[in-house]
Amino acid sequence: MLKDYVKHEYTPQEEQRNLDEERRQALFEEGGFEDTDAKKLRDTIMPAEEAIAAKAEQLENIRIRKSRKSDWDEYVDAPRRWGRALHHSEIITRLRRLIPGLHVQDALQANRLSLYIWDRNMKFEAKTGGTVFLAWIEKGWSPEYEIDITNEIGIAIGQKRGWRTVLARLICRRDQQTFIPTSVITEEQAFSEFGYPTNGPTASNFRATLHKFRNTSPERAKMDYEIMQAAQKYMR
């Protein structure tokens, strides 16, 4: 009798849906999300890939920096990297003066907030226009620059996001297809509202990020992206 209730054949459409679901579930597991987080991802407009990328990004950045000793030493020097600390309420207040349509909500990761903006031109699967993920910030106090967090034996276990990193994300945005700049705010606006970077040499990476964005053509940005993708695929 049991075999009468078991489906043995699937249509091509059903097989594709099952395959997509298996890949999605594998992506959730790879990103370390629990079932409740996975359901929340499915119920929101934010793609699962984007959320997982945000979760994995910090450890990947640490891994790359750790291979370069000078960078690693710089990013674990917490006293120097705290710079001018800001509370999340102050960061949001200042950002809303620059981005009136800014939307803020709790992130999937604990003690973090996600920043969104409405874009009527953004194309989603079944419509045009919707909420677009911009970046995430720490709840509570944020250092001016990112700090890599290690355990007692020096292994990277996380990262304290700096608010300058959030500004860089809002400035250094590009269209995913054309790589043409799509900045949410300008450098001038960021410096006018948040002030200029403090701590001299500690700000060098932030300044270098802005300089590269200013001086990289869409064609070169696309080439750099393709090279990075190929390198990551090779390392796997």
Protein backbone atom coordinates (compact mmCIF):
# COMPACT_ATOMS: atom_id res chain seq x y z
CA MET A 1 0.00 0.00 0.00
CA LEU A 2 2.82 2.40 0.83
CA LYS A 3 4.22 2.33 -2.69
CA ASP A 4 0.91 3.76 -3.94
CA TYR A 5 1.66 7.00 -2.07
CA VAL A 6 5.28 7.34 -3.18
CA LYS A 7 5.90 9.35 -6.31
CA HIS A 8 8.57 7.72 -8.48
CA GLU A 9 8.56 10.01 -11.53
CA TYR A 10 8.82 13.79 -11.85
CA THR A 11 8.16 16.12 -14.72
CA PRO A 12 11.17 18.11 -16.03
CA GLN A 13 9.79 21.19 -14.26
CA GLU A 14 9.50 19.34 -10.96
CA GLU A 15 12.99 17.92 -11.31
CA GLN A 16 14.39 21.40 -11.91
CA ARG A 17 12.52 22.79 -8.87
CA ASN A 18 13.86 19.94 -6.71
CA LEU A 19 17.40 20.56 -7.98
CA ASP A 20 17.10 24.30 -7.29
CA GLU A 21 15.84 23.59 -3.78
CA GLU A 22 18.73 21.18 -3.11
CA ARG A 23 21.24 23.80 -4.28
CA ARG A 24 19.54 26.47 -2.16
CA GLN A 25 19.60 24.25 0.90
CA ALA A 26 23.28 23.45 0.34
CA LEU A 27 23.96 27.17 0.10
CA PHE A 28 22.18 27.76 3.41
CA GLU A 29 24.18 25.00 5.08
CA GLU A 30 27.47 26.27 3.65
CA GLY A 31 26.70 29.73 5.00
CA GLY A 32 25.95 28.37 8.47
CA PHE A 33 22.28 29.40 8.56
CA GLU A 34 19.79 27.55 10.72
CA ASP A 35 16.31 26.53 9.57
CA THR A 36 14.72 29.63 11.09
CA ASP A 37 17.20 31.85 9.28
CA ALA A 38 16.58 29.98 6.02
CA LYS A 39 12.84 30.55 6.33
CA LYS A 40 13.41 34.24 7.02
CA LEU A 41 15.57 34.47 3.91
CA ARG A 42 12.86 32.87 1.78
CA ASP A 43 10.24 35.25 3.17
CA THR A 44 12.28 38.40 2.46
CA ILE A 45 13.19 40.09 -0.78
CA MET A 46 16.92 39.78 -0.09
CA PRO A 47 18.44 36.92 -2.12
CA ALA A 48 19.95 34.07 -0.12
CA GLU A 49 23.24 34.41 -1.99
CA GLU A 50 23.53 38.06 -0.88
CA ALA A 51 22.89 37.30 2.77
CA ILE A 52 25.36 34.42 2.79
CA ALA A 53 27.95 36.54 1.03
CA ALA A 54 27.58 39.19 3.73
CA LYS A 55 28.01 36.54 6.41
CA ALA A 56 31.10 34.98 4.82
CA GLU A 57 32.70 38.22 3.69
CA GLN A 58 34.33 39.15 6.98
CA LEU A 59 36.20 35.83 7.40
CA GLU A 60 37.29 35.87 3.75
CA ASN A 61 38.69 39.39 4.18
CA ILE A 62 40.57 38.27 7.29
CA ARG A 63 41.98 35.21 5.47
CA ILE A 64 43.30 37.39 2.65
CA ARG A 65 44.82 39.92 5.03
CA LYS A 66 46.39 37.25 7.19
CA SER A 67 48.42 36.11 4.19
CA ARG A 68 49.95 39.60 4.18
CA LYS A 69 51.63 40.07 7.54
CA SER A 70 51.70 43.87 7.48
CA ASP A 71 47.94 44.09 6.84
CA TRP A 72 47.22 41.48 9.48
CA ASP A 73 49.17 43.36 12.13
CA GLU A 74 47.35 46.54 11.18
CA TYR A 75 43.84 45.11 11.41
CA VAL A 76 44.28 43.48 14.82
CA ASP A 77 45.62 46.69 16.41
CA ALA A 78 42.26 47.48 18.05
CA PRO A 79 43.24 50.59 20.09
CA ARG A 80 44.43 52.36 16.96
CA ARG A 81 41.53 51.24 14.75
CA TRP A 82 38.76 52.39 17.09
CA GLY A 83 39.53 55.95 16.00
CA ARG A 84 36.40 58.07 16.39
CA ALA A 85 33.73 55.60 17.52
CA LEU A 86 30.07 56.20 16.67
CA HIS A 87 26.89 54.61 18.05
CA HIS A 88 24.54 53.02 15.51
CA SER A 89 21.86 55.61 16.30
CA GLU A 90 24.26 58.40 15.31
CA ILE A 91 25.35 56.58 12.16
CA ILE A 92 21.73 56.07 11.07
CA THR A 93 20.79 59.69 11.85
CA ARG A 94 23.65 61.00 9.73
CA LEU A 95 22.99 58.56 6.89
CA ARG A 96 19.32 59.52 6.76
CA ARG A 97 20.31 63.13 6.18
CA LEU A 98 22.12 61.90 3.07
CA ILE A 99 19.68 59.10 2.12
CA PRO A 100 16.10 60.18 3.00
CA GLY A 101 14.63 56.83 1.89
CA LEU A 102 16.97 54.74 4.02
CA HIS A 103 15.29 51.73 5.65
CA VAL A 104 16.84 49.94 8.64
CA GLN A 105 15.92 46.58 10.15
CA ASP A 106 17.46 43.82 12.27
CA ALA A 107 19.92 41.70 10.32
CA LEU A 108 19.94 37.91 10.29
CA GLN A 109 23.16 37.95 12.30
CA ALA A 110 22.87 38.92 15.95
CA ASN A 111 23.73 42.48 17.02
CA ARG A 112 23.69 43.84 13.49
CA LEU A 113 21.40 46.08 11.46
CA SER A 114 20.78 45.89 7.71
CA LEU A 115 20.46 49.00 5.55
CA TYR A 116 18.11 49.08 2.54
CA ILE A 117 16.87 51.58 -0.01
CA TRP A 118 13.93 51.51 -2.40
CA ASP A 119 14.96 51.43 -6.05
CA ARG A 120 12.13 51.72 -8.56
CA ASN A 121 14.43 50.70 -11.42
CA MET A 122 15.91 47.56 -9.90
CA LYS A 123 14.76 44.44 -11.76
CA PHE A 124 13.76 41.42 -9.70
CA GLU A 125 12.56 38.05 -10.96
CA ALA A 126 8.87 38.91 -11.24
CA LYS A 127 8.81 42.70 -11.07
CA THR A 128 10.70 45.96 -11.38
CA GLY A 129 11.23 48.10 -8.30
CA GLY A 130 11.83 47.00 -4.75
CA THR A 131 14.01 47.10 -1.66
CA VAL A 132 17.75 46.81 -2.29
CA PHE A 133 20.29 45.74 0.32
CA LEU A 134 23.09 48.30 0.83
CA ALA A 135 25.21 47.20 3.79
CA TRP A 136 25.10 46.16 7.44
CA ILE A 137 26.32 47.94 10.55
CA GLU A 138 27.03 46.90 14.11
CA LYS A 139 24.46 47.48 16.84
CA GLY A 140 25.84 49.66 19.59
CA TRP A 141 29.24 51.28 19.15
CA SER A 142 31.23 50.88 15.94
CA PRO A 143 34.93 51.61 15.49
CA GLU A 144 35.96 54.00 12.76
CA TYR A 145 37.89 51.23 10.97
CA GLU A 146 37.39 47.45 10.78
CA ILE A 147 38.97 45.33 13.51
CA ASP A 148 39.82 41.66 13.03
CA ILE A 149 38.92 39.59 16.10
CA THR A 150 41.05 36.59 17.03
CA ASN A 151 40.98 33.99 19.79
CA GLU A 152 43.74 33.39 22.33
CA ILE A 153 45.91 31.54 19.81
CA GLY A 154 45.54 34.07 17.01
CA ILE A 155 42.90 32.36 14.86
CA ALA A 156 40.41 34.71 13.20
CA ILE A 157 36.91 34.26 14.59
CA GLY A 158 35.13 37.41 13.41
CA GLN A 159 35.28 41.06 12.64
CA LYS A 160 34.06 44.33 14.16
CA ARG A 161 32.82 46.39 11.24
CA GLY A 162 34.03 49.97 11.03
CA TRP A 163 31.61 52.70 10.01
CA ARG A 164 34.10 53.97 7.42
CA THR A 165 33.66 50.60 5.68
CA VAL A 166 29.92 51.27 5.44
CA LEU A 167 30.60 54.67 3.86
CA ALA A 168 32.97 53.04 1.36
CA ARG A 169 30.25 50.51 0.44
CA LEU A 170 27.76 53.29 -0.23
CA ILE A 171 30.24 55.26 -2.33
CA CYS A 172 31.98 52.45 -4.25
CA ARG A 173 28.95 50.79 -5.82
CA ARG A 174 28.75 49.60 -9.42
CA ASP A 175 26.06 48.15 -11.65
CA GLN A 176 26.43 44.37 -11.63
CA GLN A 177 26.19 44.13 -15.43
CA THR A 178 27.82 47.29 -16.81
CA PHE A 179 30.09 48.10 -13.83
CA ILE A 180 29.17 51.76 -14.23
CA PRO A 181 29.32 53.57 -10.84
CA THR A 182 25.99 53.66 -8.97
CA SER A 183 27.07 55.46 -5.80
CA VAL A 184 24.36 56.04 -3.19
CA ILE A 185 26.34 58.94 -1.71
CA THR A 186 29.40 60.89 -2.88
CA GLU A 187 32.76 61.26 -1.16
CA GLU A 188 31.99 64.93 -0.61
CA GLN A 189 28.70 64.12 1.10
CA ALA A 190 30.34 61.49 3.31
CA PHE A 191 33.10 63.85 4.44
CA SER A 192 30.65 66.71 4.96
CA GLU A 193 28.40 64.61 7.23
CA PHE A 194 30.94 62.33 8.94
CA GLY A 195 34.15 64.35 8.78
CA TYR A 196 37.53 63.39 7.38
CA PRO A 197 39.32 60.17 8.42
CA THR A 198 41.32 60.27 11.64
CA ASN A 199 44.49 58.41 12.73
CA GLY A 200 46.56 59.14 9.63
CA PRO A 201 48.18 55.86 8.46
CA THR A 202 45.28 53.80 9.83
CA ALA A 203 43.02 55.46 7.26
CA SER A 204 45.28 54.48 4.35
CA ASN A 205 43.20 51.45 3.28
CA PHE A 206 39.97 53.49 3.35
CA ARG A 207 41.56 56.24 1.26
CA ALA A 208 43.05 53.68 -1.15
CA THR A 209 39.61 52.10 -1.66
CA LEU A 210 38.11 55.47 -2.62
CA HIS A 211 41.07 56.33 -4.86
CA LYS A 212 40.80 53.04 -6.75
CA PHE A 213 37.06 53.52 -7.26
CA ARG A 214 37.57 57.06 -8.59
CA ASN A 215 40.29 56.01 -11.00
CA THR A 216 38.99 52.68 -12.31
CA SER A 217 36.97 52.62 -15.53
CA PRO A 218 33.94 50.33 -15.89
CA GLU A 219 35.92 48.20 -18.36
CA ARG A 220 38.82 47.80 -15.94
CA ALA A 221 36.45 47.12 -13.02
CA LYS A 222 34.79 44.34 -15.01
CA MET A 223 38.17 42.84 -15.87
CA ASP A 224 39.29 42.95 -12.22
CA TYR A 225 36.04 41.26 -11.18
CA GLU A 226 36.46 38.47 -13.72
CA ILE A 227 40.06 37.90 -12.62
CA MET A 228 38.96 37.72 -8.98
CA GLN A 229 36.19 35.23 -9.82
CA ALA A 230 38.62 33.04 -11.76
CA ALA A 231 41.13 33.13 -8.90
CA GLN A 232 38.48 32.14 -6.35
CA LYS A 233 37.31 29.28 -8.58
CA TYR A 234 40.91 28.09 -8.94
CA MET A 235 41.48 28.14 -5.16
CA ARG A 236 38.45 25.90 -4.62
